[in-house]
């Protein structure tokens, strides 16, 4: 069963950058599309970005992060990254990665057979 460990979060000021890392074990990363999700205080978890496991490694971003966040993957290292630039207080949340279903025009959702969320990594952006 796939297991995910998120890291790289922290406290930054508005406009600064962070790079989140998602370490994957228990399976072959190359076989899975991977999504980044986040949950802000008092809100439901939402899909933020997704990267496919196809040759073109197609990606998806929600509108609020488009142009600021970049998702990438290194299958040889079993790792997925989320580069986050120009952070704003609205990006404050706990960020999670998960095996996901990527769509072209809507946020990703976790795979139906996925139920092993990691602890996430806290991102806090001060104004």
Foldseek 3Di string as FASTA:
>chain_A
DKAWDKDWADEEAAFAKIKMKIAIDDDQLLVFKKWKWWDDPPGDIFTAKIFGSDPVRDMDGPPVQPPFWDWDDDRVRNMIMIIGGRDDQVPWTFMWMAGWDDDDPGGIDHDPPDDHTDPGHTHGYHD
